[in-house]
Amino acid sequence: MKKNMGVADRAIRTVLAILVGVLYFTHVISGTLALILGIFAVIFLLTSMVSYCPAYGPLGFSTCGRGEPGEPKA
């Protein structure tokens, strides 16, 4: 599985996941909304850690910049 996520993409996903966690633990979100956003937050963290987004694969999409690890050589 080759990497298809760049540094900015990974950082944005991590920040969003942390934001959801903060909103949950400060009781700003709760119930069904908290559950759905929590699931997305976990997915965002996992995909950020492995630098691979399964949704990008079938679309042939990549946010890797030039020279980043995992990018195919031209």
C-alpha atoms as a PDB file:
ATOM      1  CA  MET A   1       0.000   0.000   0.000  1.00  0.00           C
ATOM      2  CA  LYS A   2       1.736   3.161  -1.179  1.00  0.00           C
ATOM      3  CA  LYS A   3       1.234   6.484   0.545  1.00  0.00           C
ATOM      4  CA  ASN A   4      -1.263   8.857  -1.025  1.00  0.00           C
ATOM      5  CA  MET A   5      -1.538  11.566   1.644  1.00  0.00           C
ATOM      6  CA  GLY A   6       0.729  14.578   1.925  1.00  0.00           C
ATOM      7  CA  VAL A   7       1.863  16.373   5.054  1.00  0.00           C
ATOM      8  CA  ALA A   8      -0.829  19.072   4.868  1.00  0.00           C
ATOM      9  CA  ASP A   9      -3.607  16.497   4.382  1.00  0.00           C
ATOM     10  CA  ARG A  10      -2.393  14.499   7.369  1.00  0.00           C
ATOM     11  CA  ALA A  11      -2.100  17.624   9.551  1.00  0.00           C
ATOM     12  CA  ILE A  12      -5.619  18.815   8.688  1.00  0.00           C
ATOM     13  CA  ARG A  13      -7.109  15.406   9.476  1.00  0.00           C
ATOM     14  CA  THR A  14      -5.252  15.234  12.793  1.00  0.00           C
ATOM     15  CA  VAL A  15      -6.353  18.728  13.819  1.00  0.00           C
ATOM     16  CA  LEU A  16      -9.980  17.931  12.926  1.00  0.00           C
ATOM     17  CA  ALA A  17      -9.853  14.716  14.955  1.00  0.00           C
ATOM     18  CA  ILE A  18      -8.429  16.552  17.964  1.00  0.00           C
ATOM     19  CA  LEU A  19     -11.092  19.249  17.597  1.00  0.00           C
ATOM     20  CA  VAL A  20     -13.854  16.626  17.655  1.00  0.00           C
ATOM     21  CA  GLY A  21     -12.299  15.113  20.789  1.00  0.00           C
ATOM     22  CA  VAL A  22     -12.174  18.496  22.514  1.00  0.00           C
ATOM     23  CA  LEU A  23     -15.772  19.269  21.548  1.00  0.00           C
ATOM     24  CA  TYR A  24     -16.889  15.905  22.915  1.00  0.00           C
ATOM     25  CA  PHE A  25     -15.027  16.109  26.216  1.00  0.00           C
ATOM     26  CA  THR A  26     -16.227  19.694  26.818  1.00  0.00           C
ATOM     27  CA  HIS A  27     -19.818  18.500  26.200  1.00  0.00           C
ATOM     28  CA  VAL A  28     -20.360  20.806  23.224  1.00  0.00           C
ATOM     29  CA  ILE A  29     -21.440  17.822  21.118  1.00  0.00           C
ATOM     30  CA  SER A  30     -23.298  14.767  22.339  1.00  0.00           C
ATOM     31  CA  GLY A  31     -25.636  12.000  21.277  1.00  0.00           C
ATOM     32  CA  THR A  32     -25.789  10.843  17.676  1.00  0.00           C
ATOM     33  CA  LEU A  33     -23.743  13.773  16.382  1.00  0.00           C
ATOM     34  CA  ALA A  34     -20.929  12.948  18.798  1.00  0.00           C
ATOM     35  CA  LEU A  35     -21.002   9.291  17.743  1.00  0.00           C
ATOM     36  CA  ILE A  36     -20.834  10.073  14.036  1.00  0.00           C
ATOM     37  CA  LEU A  37     -18.124  12.715  14.422  1.00  0.00           C
ATOM     38  CA  GLY A  38     -16.204  10.379  16.752  1.00  0.00           C
ATOM     39  CA  ILE A  39     -16.184   7.651  14.111  1.00  0.00           C
ATOM     40  CA  PHE A  40     -14.899  10.119  11.525  1.00  0.00           C
ATOM     41  CA  ALA A  41     -12.259  11.357  13.991  1.00  0.00           C
ATOM     42  CA  VAL A  42     -10.946   7.817  14.547  1.00  0.00           C
ATOM     43  CA  ILE A  43     -10.842   7.188  10.793  1.00  0.00           C
ATOM     44  CA  PHE A  44      -9.033  10.497  10.257  1.00  0.00           C
ATOM     45  CA  LEU A  45      -6.429   9.620  12.896  1.00  0.00           C
ATOM     46  CA  LEU A  46      -5.841   6.129  11.510  1.00  0.00           C
ATOM     47  CA  THR A  47      -5.487   7.303   7.913  1.00  0.00           C
ATOM     48  CA  SER A  48      -3.153  10.105   9.053  1.00  0.00           C
ATOM     49  CA  MET A  49      -0.935   7.644  10.895  1.00  0.00           C
ATOM     50  CA  VAL A  50      -0.517   5.333   7.899  1.00  0.00           C
ATOM     51  CA  SER A  51      -0.506   8.145   5.263  1.00  0.00           C
ATOM     52  CA  TYR A  52      -3.022   6.233   3.176  1.00  0.00           C
ATOM     53  CA  CYS A  53      -6.652   7.076   2.444  1.00  0.00           C
ATOM     54  CA  PRO A  54      -8.639   4.163   1.004  1.00  0.00           C
ATOM     55  CA  ALA A  55     -11.083   6.598  -0.633  1.00  0.00           C
ATOM     56  CA  TYR A  56      -8.259   8.179  -2.658  1.00  0.00           C
ATOM     57  CA  GLY A  57      -7.099   4.825  -4.099  1.00  0.00           C
ATOM     58  CA  PRO A  58      -9.941   4.014  -6.530  1.00  0.00           C
ATOM     59  CA  LEU A  59     -10.033   7.637  -7.659  1.00  0.00           C
ATOM     60  CA  GLY A  60      -6.297   7.736  -8.339  1.00  0.00           C
ATOM     61  CA  PHE A  61      -6.080  10.822  -6.134  1.00  0.00           C
ATOM     62  CA  SER A  62      -3.005  11.759  -4.128  1.00  0.00           C
ATOM     63  CA  THR A  63      -2.066  14.761  -2.014  1.00  0.00           C
ATOM     64  CA  CYS A  64       1.595  13.773  -1.862  1.00  0.00           C
ATOM     65  CA  GLY A  65       3.817  16.561  -3.076  1.00  0.00           C
ATOM     66  CA  ARG A  66       6.833  16.064  -5.244  1.00  0.00           C
ATOM     67  CA  GLY A  67       9.629  14.211  -3.543  1.00  0.00           C
ATOM     68  CA  GLU A  68       7.527  12.976  -0.632  1.00  0.00           C
ATOM     69  CA  PRO A  69       7.960   9.352   0.397  1.00  0.00           C
ATOM     70  CA  GLY A  70       5.485   7.019  -1.226  1.00  0.00           C
ATOM     71  CA  GLU A  71       5.115   9.039  -4.393  1.00  0.00           C
ATOM     72  CA  PRO A  72       5.925   7.153  -7.577  1.00  0.00           C
ATOM     73  CA  LYS A  73       8.986   8.335  -9.431  1.00  0.00           C
ATOM     74  CA  ALA A  74       8.347  10.032 -12.766  1.00  0.00           C
END
